[in-house]
Amino acid sequence: MAANHNHANAEAASRTWAAMPDFARSVQLSTLAAGYRAIAIDRMPRVTFPAAAILVALACAWAEPVARYVAQLLAAPVALEITLARLLAVVLGVAVLWRCGALNKAAPVYLLDLAVYAPPKESLVTRQRFKNFSKEVGKFDEKSLEFQTRLIDRAGLGDATSLPPGILAMPPDISMARAREEAEEVIFQCVDSVLAKTRLKPRDFTVLVVNCSLFCPTPSLASMVVNKYGFKSNVQSYSLGGMGCSAGVIAVALAKDLLASHGGLALVVSTENITQNWYFGNDRSMLIPNTLFRVGASAVVMSSRSGDRARAKYVLNAVVRTHRGADDASYGCVYQREDDKGTTGVSLSRDLITHAGVALKNNITALAPRVLPLSEQARFLMREAKLALTRRRQKATTKAAAAAAAAADASATKVPAPAPATAAANSSDGDGTASTATCTDDPNKPYVPNFGLAFDHFCIHTGGRGVIDAMQKQLRLSDSMVEPSRATLRQFGNTSSSSVWYELAYSEHEGLVRRGHRVWQIAFGSGFKCNSAVWTALRNVPAGKHKAWDV
């Protein structure tokens, strides 16, 4: 009986993401409107510049007749009035054009290059080694060992993922010193690599952003990087903590905004620390991360300098962020806490999938107007309008039926009720089963836009095999579209915020990225948050440039 119960729990855990609700079933029009507002803001310069130019032309054309009329009234020299009027019109026109450009035209943000962490062979952990380690550490009871064993076999991880030395030590060493060693190892390797690729020096950077959710030492990880490489004293440095697996996209958004204010170059580093965040208890809601999270990191160089376009790989098109933290249940569905024995871990609630589905739906709804072709947007909006009309008619029908039922109840004292068998026969389809087709059938299914027309590469956060399966099903993606995500999960596991960069590195390493291709990075994490970044390739990216993917 206990074995059956354990098996049922494991099955439920493995199906957590596979049972993702259909977030295309209902669309919040307010979220959709937000996407169109973003388009209007982004494209305002294209409208205001021509409008201002037309105004200038009209002012110049009307300047002479107006000046003649004013001169006649004032008996002033005509030539002088015409000259002054034209000069005033030109000055005002130039001022309007400059003001429109200053307010509405943001400098493009480029991605020069990226690097991802390549773990050494001695840190690689096969699934069998994970099982042996979990047993030898002596912290887990038989039920927890069996639970983790089942999860690791079906999670989608291969036999070459990496764990830090502190965890693999016997007994495990989860000290602050070991955690710092892990952070230094992964971060410094990535930074060294991306600096070598871009031929930049640390003092060239004006912005530094480092994100690591669960390890926030003092001094910060950003200060650790500044100290190691000797950044300028006025560098705009930030350390983002506690922001979950979607923090890599958040760091990109922050760097973009900082570059808009300060200009120059930005270094963005994303990682997660395993050493002090391995769970050595027996609470099942906290055991799942042990079977998924592995060592990883990334470093990317962004620029707002116009001269860097010639050597940049990508230009940033859009960043869309969704935060469901105002909802208590969403806020607590991924929560770091202590179990009943005082052991710290990250707990995943049973309704995590529900909150993730809502966040994904809101994020994609806001993003769609900015990326989908007009034909897809038209189909989507027409179907939504049709569904809204259908729901309105069904609501009216339901009201009419309720009113008729109330009238029938009121006259029940005067008209005898039919016998039960007769009533069943009158209300059935012929087999004794009551007909509900008019209330429950939905012949007009929601239209799911074809995101394959909008993007050439998909970088879906590697939250687990079920996550990737659910996203593929919901968005109707082909196997080749989700292969970067599956390959990353298989080779590196869930590397948290850096996973979307491992996936892009995979596409580059395989020589799949060509000029004009669009890349969609989508990640989600605690809070609950879902964030998207869209890039366009500016050139063909040569294959075989990432050591981590030389496997």
Protein backbone atom coordinates (compact mmCIF):
# COMPACT_ATOMS: atom_id res chain seq x y z
CA MET A 1 0.00 0.00 0.00
CA ALA A 2 2.83 2.40 0.90
CA ALA A 3 4.59 1.62 -2.36
CA ASN A 4 1.43 2.41 -4.29
CA HIS A 5 1.04 5.67 -2.39
CA ASN A 6 4.65 6.67 -3.11
CA HIS A 7 4.24 5.78 -6.76
CA ALA A 8 1.11 7.93 -6.96
CA ASN A 9 2.92 10.90 -5.43
CA ALA A 10 5.81 10.54 -7.85
CA GLU A 11 3.41 10.30 -10.77
CA ALA A 12 1.65 13.46 -9.59
CA ALA A 13 4.96 15.30 -9.30
CA SER A 14 6.06 14.23 -12.75
CA ARG A 15 2.73 15.36 -14.24
CA THR A 16 2.87 18.78 -12.58
CA TRP A 17 3.85 20.60 -15.75
CA ALA A 18 2.35 18.12 -18.19
CA ALA A 19 -1.10 19.10 -16.89
CA MET A 20 -0.62 22.78 -17.69
CA PRO A 21 -4.02 24.40 -18.30
CA ASP A 22 -4.85 25.66 -21.76
CA PHE A 23 -4.00 29.33 -21.38
CA ALA A 24 -5.47 30.05 -24.81
CA ARG A 25 -8.97 29.30 -23.54
CA SER A 26 -9.50 32.81 -22.20
CA VAL A 27 -7.65 36.02 -22.96
CA GLN A 28 -7.71 39.14 -20.81
CA LEU A 29 -8.35 42.04 -23.16
CA SER A 30 -6.56 44.41 -20.76
CA THR A 31 -3.37 42.36 -21.18
CA LEU A 32 -3.80 42.33 -24.95
CA ALA A 33 -4.32 46.09 -24.93
CA ALA A 34 -1.06 46.53 -23.03
CA GLY A 35 0.75 44.84 -25.89
CA TYR A 36 -0.76 47.20 -28.45
CA ARG A 37 0.07 50.21 -26.26
CA ALA A 38 3.69 49.09 -26.25
CA ILE A 39 3.62 48.93 -30.04
CA ALA A 40 2.20 52.46 -30.21
CA ILE A 41 4.94 53.79 -27.95
CA ASP A 42 7.72 52.00 -29.85
CA ARG A 43 6.50 53.19 -33.23
CA MET A 44 5.52 56.72 -32.27
CA PRO A 45 8.64 58.27 -33.87
CA ARG A 46 7.58 56.82 -37.23
CA VAL A 47 4.33 58.77 -36.94
CA THR A 48 5.47 61.97 -35.24
CA PHE A 49 8.42 62.64 -37.54
CA PRO A 50 6.37 62.69 -40.77
CA ALA A 51 3.63 64.67 -39.03
CA ALA A 52 6.13 67.26 -37.84
CA ALA A 53 7.64 67.48 -41.32
CA ILE A 54 4.21 68.11 -42.82
CA LEU A 55 3.58 70.86 -40.27
CA VAL A 56 6.87 72.52 -41.17
CA ALA A 57 6.03 72.40 -44.87
CA LEU A 58 2.59 73.90 -44.28
CA ALA A 59 4.07 76.62 -42.09
CA CYS A 60 6.56 77.57 -44.80
CA ALA A 61 3.86 77.53 -47.49
CA TRP A 62 1.52 79.77 -45.52
CA ALA A 63 4.25 82.02 -44.18
CA GLU A 64 4.32 84.38 -47.17
CA PRO A 65 0.56 85.08 -47.54
CA VAL A 66 0.14 85.43 -43.80
CA ALA A 67 3.11 87.77 -43.63
CA ARG A 68 1.75 89.92 -46.48
CA TYR A 69 -1.60 90.18 -44.74
CA VAL A 70 0.01 91.13 -41.42
CA ALA A 71 2.28 93.62 -43.18
CA GLN A 72 -0.66 95.31 -44.81
CA LEU A 73 -2.36 95.62 -41.48
CA LEU A 74 0.69 96.99 -39.75
CA ALA A 75 2.05 98.93 -42.75
CA ALA A 76 5.40 97.24 -42.16
CA PRO A 77 7.99 96.43 -44.85
CA VAL A 78 6.77 93.28 -46.60
CA ALA A 79 10.18 91.68 -47.24
CA LEU A 80 11.20 91.91 -43.60
CA GLU A 81 7.95 90.36 -42.40
CA ILE A 82 8.23 87.48 -44.89
CA THR A 83 11.81 86.73 -43.85
CA LEU A 84 10.98 86.75 -40.15
CA ALA A 85 7.91 84.56 -40.64
CA ARG A 86 9.83 81.97 -42.64
CA LEU A 87 12.66 81.95 -40.12
CA LEU A 88 10.24 81.50 -37.26
CA ALA A 89 8.47 78.64 -39.05
CA VAL A 90 11.76 76.83 -39.74
CA VAL A 91 12.98 77.26 -36.15
CA LEU A 92 9.72 75.95 -34.74
CA GLY A 93 9.73 73.01 -37.15
CA VAL A 94 13.28 72.01 -36.25
CA ALA A 95 12.46 72.29 -32.55
CA VAL A 96 9.41 70.04 -32.96
CA LEU A 97 11.38 67.44 -34.91
CA TRP A 98 14.22 67.41 -32.38
CA ARG A 99 11.82 67.18 -29.46
CA CYS A 100 9.96 64.26 -30.99
CA GLY A 101 13.19 62.42 -31.61
CA ALA A 102 14.55 63.10 -28.13
CA LEU A 103 11.38 61.89 -26.43
CA ASN A 104 10.47 58.90 -28.53
CA LYS A 105 13.52 57.40 -30.19
CA ALA A 106 15.46 55.02 -27.94
CA ALA A 107 18.91 53.87 -28.99
CA PRO A 108 19.01 50.21 -30.09
CA VAL A 109 20.57 47.74 -27.67
CA TYR A 110 22.87 45.12 -29.16
CA LEU A 111 24.18 41.77 -27.96
CA LEU A 112 27.85 41.53 -28.88
CA ASP A 113 28.54 38.00 -27.65
CA LEU A 114 27.81 35.42 -24.96
CA ALA A 115 29.54 32.65 -23.04
CA VAL A 116 28.22 29.76 -20.94
CA TYR A 117 29.94 27.72 -18.25
CA ALA A 118 31.59 24.45 -19.29
CA PRO A 119 31.90 22.18 -16.21
CA PRO A 120 35.07 20.13 -15.66
CA LYS A 121 34.85 16.35 -16.04
CA GLU A 122 35.45 15.69 -12.34
CA SER A 123 32.22 17.50 -11.43
CA LEU A 124 30.00 15.53 -13.80
CA VAL A 125 27.26 13.48 -12.17
CA THR A 126 25.55 10.52 -13.81
CA ARG A 127 22.10 9.51 -12.66
CA GLN A 128 23.57 6.46 -10.95
CA ARG A 129 26.13 8.60 -9.15
CA PHE A 130 23.30 10.85 -7.97
CA LYS A 131 21.44 7.84 -6.56
CA ASN A 132 24.56 6.52 -4.84
CA PHE A 133 25.39 9.93 -3.39
CA SER A 134 21.85 10.42 -2.08
CA LYS A 135 22.08 7.09 -0.25
CA GLU A 136 25.61 7.56 1.09
CA VAL A 137 24.98 11.02 2.52
CA GLY A 138 22.71 9.44 5.14
CA LYS A 139 20.18 12.29 5.31
CA PHE A 140 17.25 10.77 3.43
CA ASP A 141 14.85 8.05 4.55
CA GLU A 142 13.85 5.18 2.25
CA LYS A 143 10.72 6.91 0.97
CA SER A 144 12.67 10.05 0.04
CA LEU A 145 15.37 7.99 -1.69
CA GLU A 146 12.77 6.09 -3.69
CA PHE A 147 10.98 9.33 -4.57
CA GLN A 148 14.17 11.02 -5.84
CA THR A 149 15.16 7.89 -7.75
CA ARG A 150 11.89 7.85 -9.68
CA LEU A 151 12.09 11.57 -10.39
CA ILE A 152 15.69 11.54 -11.64
CA ASP A 153 14.86 8.72 -14.07
CA ARG A 154 12.04 10.64 -15.71
CA ALA A 155 13.16 14.29 -15.32
CA GLY A 156 14.91 14.45 -18.69
CA LEU A 157 18.46 14.91 -17.34
CA GLY A 158 21.33 12.96 -18.90
CA ASP A 159 24.51 11.54 -17.40
CA ALA A 160 26.75 14.61 -17.76
CA THR A 161 25.19 17.26 -15.52
CA SER A 162 27.34 18.97 -12.90
CA LEU A 163 27.28 19.44 -9.13
CA PRO A 164 29.71 21.59 -7.10
CA PRO A 165 32.59 20.02 -5.12
CA GLY A 166 31.05 21.02 -1.79
CA ILE A 167 27.95 18.91 -2.45
CA LEU A 168 29.91 15.92 -3.75
CA ALA A 169 32.27 15.93 -0.75
CA MET A 170 31.63 13.26 1.86
CA PRO A 171 30.32 14.54 4.14
CA PRO A 172 28.98 17.47 2.08
CA ASP A 173 30.60 20.83 2.80
CA ILE A 174 27.96 23.57 2.47
CA SER A 175 29.99 26.34 4.09
CA MET A 176 30.07 29.94 2.92
CA ALA A 177 33.63 29.43 1.69
CA ARG A 178 32.57 26.53 -0.54
CA ALA A 179 29.62 28.52 -1.88
CA ARG A 180 31.94 31.41 -2.77
CA GLU A 181 34.29 28.99 -4.51
CA GLU A 182 31.43 27.72 -6.65
CA ALA A 183 30.35 31.26 -7.56
CA GLU A 184 33.90 32.30 -8.43
CA GLU A 185 34.50 29.21 -10.56
CA VAL A 186 31.43 29.55 -12.76
CA ILE A 187 31.28 33.35 -12.98
CA PHE A 188 34.97 33.97 -13.65
CA GLN A 189 35.13 31.31 -16.37
CA CYS A 190 32.19 32.90 -18.22
CA VAL A 191 33.48 36.46 -17.83
CA ASP A 192 36.97 35.48 -19.00
CA SER A 193 35.49 33.80 -22.05
CA VAL A 194 33.18 36.63 -23.10
CA LEU A 195 35.90 39.26 -22.60
CA ALA A 196 38.23 37.23 -24.82
CA LYS A 197 35.55 36.86 -27.49
CA THR A 198 34.73 40.57 -27.59
CA ARG A 199 38.32 41.77 -27.02
CA LEU A 200 37.07 44.17 -24.37
CA LYS A 201 38.62 45.27 -21.10
CA PRO A 202 36.77 45.46 -17.77
CA ARG A 203 37.24 49.22 -17.62
CA ASP A 204 35.30 49.58 -20.88
CA PHE A 205 32.01 48.76 -19.14
CA THR A 206 29.60 51.30 -17.69
CA VAL A 207 27.04 48.77 -16.41
CA LEU A 208 27.41 45.47 -14.52
CA VAL A 209 24.43 43.27 -13.56
CA VAL A 210 24.82 39.95 -11.73
CA ASN A 211 21.84 37.80 -10.79
CA CYS A 212 21.85 34.82 -8.43
CA SER A 213 18.61 33.97 -6.65
CA LEU A 214 19.57 31.93 -3.57
CA PHE A 215 23.13 33.02 -2.73
CA CYS A 216 23.42 36.68 -1.74
CA PRO A 217 26.67 37.18 0.23
CA THR A 218 28.21 40.39 1.53
CA PRO A 219 30.03 41.90 -0.34
CA SER A 220 27.73 41.14 -3.25
CA LEU A 221 28.55 38.98 -6.24
CA ALA A 222 28.70 42.13 -8.37
CA SER A 223 31.35 43.50 -6.00
CA MET A 224 33.20 40.20 -6.31
CA VAL A 225 33.37 40.70 -10.08
CA VAL A 226 34.42 44.35 -9.73
CA ASN A 227 37.19 43.32 -7.33
CA LYS A 228 38.44 40.49 -9.53
CA TYR A 229 38.59 42.43 -12.79
CA GLY A 230 39.15 46.01 -11.66
CA PHE A 231 36.08 47.74 -13.07
CA LYS A 232 35.93 51.54 -12.95
CA SER A 233 34.83 53.10 -9.68
CA ASN A 234 31.80 54.70 -11.33
CA VAL A 235 30.47 51.49 -12.90
CA GLN A 236 26.72 51.08 -12.41
CA SER A 237 26.71 47.69 -10.63
CA TYR A 238 23.72 45.68 -9.42
CA SER A 239 23.23 42.29 -7.75
CA LEU A 240 19.77 40.76 -8.19
CA GLY A 241 18.75 38.18 -5.60
CA GLY A 242 15.66 36.10 -4.89
CA MET A 243 14.18 36.61 -8.37
CA GLY A 244 14.13 32.97 -9.46
CA CYS A 245 14.76 31.28 -12.76
CA SER A 246 13.41 34.20 -14.81
CA ALA A 247 16.04 36.61 -13.46
CA GLY A 248 18.24 36.26 -16.55
CA VAL A 249 15.66 38.09 -18.66
CA ILE A 250 15.09 40.58 -15.82
CA ALA A 251 18.83 41.33 -15.83
CA VAL A 252 18.66 41.97 -19.58
CA ALA A 253 15.75 44.38 -19.06
CA LEU A 254 17.64 46.22 -16.32
CA ALA A 255 20.77 46.48 -18.44
CA LYS A 256 18.70 47.83 -21.34
CA ASP A 257 17.19 50.55 -19.17
CA LEU A 258 20.57 51.47 -17.68
CA LEU A 259 22.14 51.69 -21.12
CA ALA A 260 19.34 54.03 -22.17
CA SER A 261 20.38 56.37 -19.34
CA HIS A 262 24.15 55.93 -19.22
CA GLY A 263 25.05 54.50 -22.62
CA GLY A 264 28.10 52.37 -23.32
CA LEU A 265 28.61 48.68 -22.54
CA ALA A 266 26.93 46.33 -20.07
CA LEU A 267 28.10 42.99 -18.72
CA VAL A 268 25.25 40.71 -17.58
CA VAL A 269 26.08 37.59 -15.55
CA SER A 270 23.44 34.97 -14.65
CA THR A 271 23.96 31.99 -12.35
CA GLU A 272 22.55 29.97 -9.46
CA ASN A 273 24.42 28.59 -6.47
CA ILE A 274 23.87 24.95 -5.52
CA THR A 275 26.25 24.54 -2.56
CA GLN A 276 24.12 26.12 0.16
CA ASN A 277 20.78 25.27 -1.41
CA TRP A 278 20.80 21.49 -1.61
CA TYR A 279 17.99 20.07 0.49
CA PHE A 280 18.96 17.39 3.02
CA GLY A 281 15.50 16.69 4.43
CA ASN A 282 12.49 14.50 3.76
CA ASP A 283 9.74 16.98 2.83
CA ARG A 284 8.64 15.88 -0.63
CA SER A 285 7.65 19.36 -1.76
CA MET A 286 11.30 20.34 -1.26
CA LEU A 287 12.98 17.27 -2.79
CA ILE A 288 12.09 17.97 -6.43
CA PRO A 289 14.75 20.73 -6.90
CA ASN A 290 17.46 18.19 -5.95
CA THR A 291 16.62 16.16 -9.04
CA LEU A 292 16.54 19.13 -11.44
CA PHE A 293 18.94 21.94 -10.54
CA ARG A 294 22.58 21.74 -11.59
CA VAL A 295 25.62 24.03 -11.87
CA GLY A 296 25.62 26.60 -14.67
CA ALA A 297 26.26 30.25 -15.53
CA SER A 298 26.34 32.69 -18.44
CA ALA A 299 27.86 36.06 -19.29
CA VAL A 300 26.70 38.35 -22.10
CA VAL A 301 27.89 41.72 -23.37
CA MET A 302 25.29 44.32 -24.37
CA SER A 303 25.91 47.69 -26.00
CA SER A 304 23.99 50.84 -26.91
CA ARG A 305 26.87 52.30 -28.95
CA SER A 306 25.89 52.75 -32.58
CA GLY A 307 29.39 51.83 -33.70
CA ASP A 308 29.00 48.32 -32.24
CA ARG A 309 26.22 47.34 -34.63
CA ALA A 310 28.73 46.18 -37.23
CA ARG A 311 30.13 43.49 -34.92
CA ALA A 312 27.02 42.71 -32.86
CA LYS A 313 25.28 39.35 -33.13
CA TYR A 314 21.76 40.47 -32.18
CA VAL A 315 19.61 43.52 -31.56
CA LEU A 316 17.06 43.52 -28.75
CA ASN A 317 13.50 43.93 -30.06
CA ALA A 318 11.36 43.62 -26.95
CA VAL A 319 11.26 42.62 -23.29
CA VAL A 320 7.90 41.73 -21.73
CA ARG A 321 7.66 41.09 -17.99
CA THR A 322 4.75 39.60 -16.06
CA HIS A 323 4.64 39.56 -12.25
CA ARG A 324 1.82 37.79 -10.39
CA GLY A 325 3.13 38.62 -6.93
CA ALA A 326 0.00 40.57 -5.97
CA ASP A 327 -1.83 37.24 -5.76
CA ASP A 328 -1.01 35.48 -2.47
CA ALA A 329 -1.21 31.97 -3.91
CA SER A 330 1.07 32.87 -6.85
CA TYR A 331 3.49 34.56 -4.49
CA GLY A 332 3.82 31.45 -2.32
CA CYS A 333 3.83 28.67 -4.92
CA VAL A 334 7.67 28.63 -4.98
CA TYR A 335 8.83 29.44 -1.47
CA GLN A 336 12.09 29.06 0.43
CA ARG A 337 11.41 27.92 3.98
CA GLU A 338 12.38 25.52 6.75
CA ASP A 339 10.74 22.11 7.11
CA ASP A 340 9.48 20.72 10.43
CA LYS A 341 13.06 19.65 11.28
CA GLY A 342 14.52 23.10 10.66
CA THR A 343 16.17 22.16 7.34
CA THR A 344 16.03 24.90 4.70
CA GLY A 345 14.85 24.22 1.17
CA VAL A 346 12.67 25.52 -1.65
CA SER A 347 9.10 24.25 -1.51
CA LEU A 348 6.98 23.80 -4.65
CA SER A 349 3.24 23.95 -4.03
CA ARG A 350 0.74 21.55 -5.61
CA ASP A 351 -0.98 24.37 -7.50
CA LEU A 352 2.25 25.70 -9.01
CA ILE A 353 1.13 24.69 -12.48
CA THR A 354 -2.06 26.74 -12.22
CA HIS A 355 -0.22 29.95 -11.37
CA ALA A 356 2.45 29.29 -13.98
CA GLY A 357 -0.24 28.86 -16.63
CA VAL A 358 -1.84 32.20 -15.76
CA ALA A 359 1.52 34.00 -15.84
CA LEU A 360 2.43 32.41 -19.16
CA LYS A 361 -0.93 33.34 -20.67
CA ASN A 362 -0.63 36.98 -19.59
CA ASN A 363 2.94 37.27 -20.83
CA ILE A 364 2.26 35.71 -24.21
CA THR A 365 -0.90 37.76 -24.68
CA ALA A 366 1.04 40.99 -24.11
CA LEU A 367 3.90 39.84 -26.35
CA ALA A 368 1.83 38.55 -29.28
CA PRO A 369 0.86 41.95 -30.80
CA ARG A 370 4.52 42.93 -30.92
CA VAL A 371 5.81 39.85 -32.72
CA LEU A 372 3.04 38.08 -34.64
CA PRO A 373 2.40 38.82 -38.34
CA LEU A 374 -0.68 40.93 -39.01
CA SER A 375 -2.44 37.95 -40.59
CA GLU A 376 -2.10 35.94 -37.37
CA GLN A 377 -3.22 38.90 -35.27
CA ALA A 378 -6.30 39.34 -37.48
CA ARG A 379 -7.25 35.65 -37.16
CA PHE A 380 -6.73 35.76 -33.41
CA LEU A 381 -8.81 38.92 -32.90
CA MET A 382 -11.60 37.71 -35.17
CA ARG A 383 -11.82 34.42 -33.28
CA GLU A 384 -11.84 36.20 -29.92
CA ALA A 385 -14.63 38.51 -31.12
CA LYS A 386 -16.62 35.51 -32.34
CA LEU A 387 -16.14 33.71 -29.03
CA ALA A 388 -17.21 36.79 -27.09
CA LEU A 389 -20.39 37.01 -29.18
CA THR A 390 -21.06 33.29 -28.69
CA ARG A 391 -20.61 33.56 -24.92
CA ARG A 392 -22.96 36.53 -24.88
CA ARG A 393 -25.63 34.56 -26.74
CA GLN A 394 -25.17 31.56 -24.45
CA LYS A 395 -25.55 33.79 -21.43
CA ALA A 396 -28.80 35.21 -22.84
CA THR A 397 -30.05 31.68 -23.58
CA THR A 398 -29.20 30.57 -20.05
CA LYS A 399 -31.10 33.55 -18.62
CA ALA A 400 -34.14 32.75 -20.75
CA ALA A 401 -34.04 29.10 -19.68
CA ALA A 402 -33.79 30.12 -16.03
CA ALA A 403 -36.78 32.45 -16.43
CA ALA A 404 -38.80 29.67 -18.09
CA ALA A 405 -37.88 27.27 -15.29
CA ALA A 406 -38.97 29.81 -12.69
CA ALA A 407 -42.29 30.27 -14.48
CA ALA A 408 -42.76 26.50 -14.60
CA ASP A 409 -42.09 26.24 -10.87
CA ALA A 410 -44.62 28.97 -10.19
CA SER A 411 -47.33 27.08 -12.08
CA ALA A 412 -46.40 23.67 -10.64
CA THR A 413 -49.30 23.84 -8.17
CA LYS A 414 -51.77 24.13 -11.08
CA VAL A 415 -50.18 21.75 -13.63
CA PRO A 416 -49.31 18.20 -12.46
CA ALA A 417 -45.68 17.24 -12.95
CA PRO A 418 -45.00 14.43 -15.44
CA ALA A 419 -44.00 11.01 -14.18
CA PRO A 420 -40.24 10.54 -13.67
CA ALA A 421 -39.88 8.13 -16.59
CA THR A 422 -41.77 10.49 -18.92
CA ALA A 423 -39.72 13.48 -17.79
CA ALA A 424 -36.52 11.61 -18.46
CA ALA A 425 -37.73 10.56 -21.87
CA ASN A 426 -38.78 14.10 -22.80
CA SER A 427 -35.41 15.57 -21.78
CA SER A 428 -33.09 12.91 -23.17
CA ASP A 429 -31.44 12.17 -26.47
CA GLY A 430 -33.13 8.82 -26.72
CA ASP A 431 -30.91 6.80 -24.40
CA GLY A 432 -32.14 8.17 -21.10
CA THR A 433 -29.22 10.61 -20.79
CA ALA A 434 -30.09 14.27 -20.32
CA SER A 435 -28.97 16.49 -23.19
CA THR A 436 -26.51 19.25 -22.33
CA ALA A 437 -25.21 19.95 -25.81
CA THR A 438 -26.63 23.45 -25.98
CA CYS A 439 -24.85 24.44 -22.76
CA THR A 440 -21.47 22.68 -22.87
CA ASP A 441 -20.57 22.17 -26.53
CA ASP A 442 -18.09 24.72 -27.85
CA PRO A 443 -17.89 24.49 -31.64
CA ASN A 444 -15.77 27.65 -31.78
CA LYS A 445 -12.50 26.65 -30.16
CA PRO A 446 -10.01 29.45 -29.34
CA TYR A 447 -7.45 30.19 -32.01
CA VAL A 448 -3.86 29.60 -30.90
CA PRO A 449 -1.57 31.86 -32.98
CA ASN A 450 1.21 30.17 -34.92
CA PHE A 451 4.31 31.40 -33.10
CA GLY A 452 6.41 29.50 -35.60
CA LEU A 453 5.66 32.36 -38.01
CA ALA A 454 7.03 34.90 -35.53
CA PHE A 455 10.21 33.17 -34.31
CA ASP A 456 12.95 31.02 -35.75
CA HIS A 457 14.49 29.92 -32.44
CA PHE A 458 12.80 29.13 -29.12
CA CYS A 459 14.72 29.27 -25.84
CA ILE A 460 12.26 27.85 -23.29
CA HIS A 461 13.44 27.70 -19.69
CA THR A 462 14.48 24.16 -18.79
CA GLY A 463 12.20 23.77 -15.78
CA GLY A 464 11.88 20.06 -16.50
CA ARG A 465 10.77 17.66 -19.19
CA GLY A 466 7.12 18.32 -18.37
CA VAL A 467 7.64 22.07 -18.80
CA ILE A 468 9.04 21.66 -22.29
CA ASP A 469 6.37 19.12 -23.25
CA ALA A 470 3.59 21.44 -22.09
CA MET A 471 5.00 24.48 -23.90
CA GLN A 472 5.44 22.47 -27.09
CA LYS A 473 1.85 21.27 -26.92
CA GLN A 474 0.32 24.63 -25.99
CA LEU A 475 2.20 26.60 -28.66
CA ARG A 476 2.08 23.81 -31.25
CA LEU A 477 5.83 23.76 -31.78
CA SER A 478 7.71 21.14 -33.76
CA ASP A 479 10.32 18.85 -32.22
CA SER A 480 13.12 20.82 -33.88
CA MET A 481 11.86 24.06 -32.33
CA VAL A 482 12.16 22.71 -28.78
CA GLU A 483 15.34 20.69 -29.36
CA PRO A 484 17.62 23.42 -27.89
CA SER A 485 15.62 23.24 -24.65
CA ARG A 486 15.61 19.45 -24.52
CA ALA A 487 19.32 19.28 -25.32
CA THR A 488 20.13 21.80 -22.58
CA LEU A 489 18.06 19.93 -19.99
CA ARG A 490 19.67 16.65 -21.00
CA GLN A 491 23.25 17.95 -21.01
CA PHE A 492 23.25 20.51 -18.18
CA GLY A 493 20.00 20.08 -16.23
CA ASN A 494 18.06 23.08 -14.94
CA THR A 495 20.69 25.81 -14.67
CA SER A 496 18.07 28.34 -13.55
CA SER A 497 18.39 31.85 -15.01
CA SER A 498 21.24 30.94 -17.37
CA SER A 499 19.29 28.16 -19.13
CA VAL A 500 17.98 30.45 -21.90
CA TRP A 501 21.58 31.35 -22.77
CA TYR A 502 22.66 27.70 -22.92
CA GLU A 503 19.84 27.18 -25.41
CA LEU A 504 20.90 30.11 -27.58
CA ALA A 505 24.50 28.88 -27.38
CA TYR A 506 23.29 25.48 -28.62
CA SER A 507 21.62 27.04 -31.67
CA GLU A 508 24.78 29.02 -32.40
CA HIS A 509 27.07 26.03 -31.92
CA GLU A 510 25.00 23.99 -34.36
CA GLY A 511 25.18 26.76 -36.97
CA LEU A 512 21.43 27.32 -36.98
CA VAL A 513 21.34 31.11 -36.51
CA ARG A 514 21.20 33.14 -39.72
CA ARG A 515 20.85 36.84 -40.37
CA GLY A 516 17.30 38.06 -39.79
CA HIS A 517 16.31 35.13 -37.57
CA ARG A 518 14.28 36.01 -34.49
CA VAL A 519 14.96 34.44 -31.10
CA TRP A 520 12.43 34.13 -28.28
CA GLN A 521 13.72 33.63 -24.75
CA ILE A 522 10.96 32.83 -22.25
CA ALA A 523 11.59 32.05 -18.59
CA PHE A 524 9.51 31.81 -15.44
CA GLY A 525 10.24 31.56 -11.75
CA SER A 526 9.32 32.41 -8.19
CA GLY A 527 7.19 35.41 -7.47
CA PHE A 528 5.44 34.19 -9.67
CA LYS A 529 7.04 35.73 -12.77
CA CYS A 530 7.14 35.05 -16.49
CA ASN A 531 9.47 37.10 -18.69
CA SER A 532 10.24 37.19 -22.41
CA ALA A 533 13.05 38.69 -24.48
CA VAL A 534 13.05 38.88 -28.28
CA TRP A 535 16.24 39.26 -30.32
CA THR A 536 16.93 39.55 -34.05
CA ALA A 537 20.16 38.17 -35.52
CA LEU A 538 22.18 40.81 -37.38
CA ARG A 539 24.50 38.33 -39.11
CA ASN A 540 25.09 34.65 -39.71
CA VAL A 541 26.61 33.14 -36.57
CA PRO A 542 29.38 30.62 -37.33
CA ALA A 543 29.06 27.14 -35.83
CA GLY A 544 31.23 25.54 -33.16
CA LYS A 545 32.02 28.57 -31.00
CA HIS A 546 30.94 27.29 -27.56
CA LYS A 547 33.21 24.96 -25.60
CA ALA A 548 30.36 23.86 -23.34
CA TRP A 549 28.63 22.24 -26.33
CA ASP A 550 31.70 20.31 -27.53
CA VAL A 551 30.13 17.04 -26.42
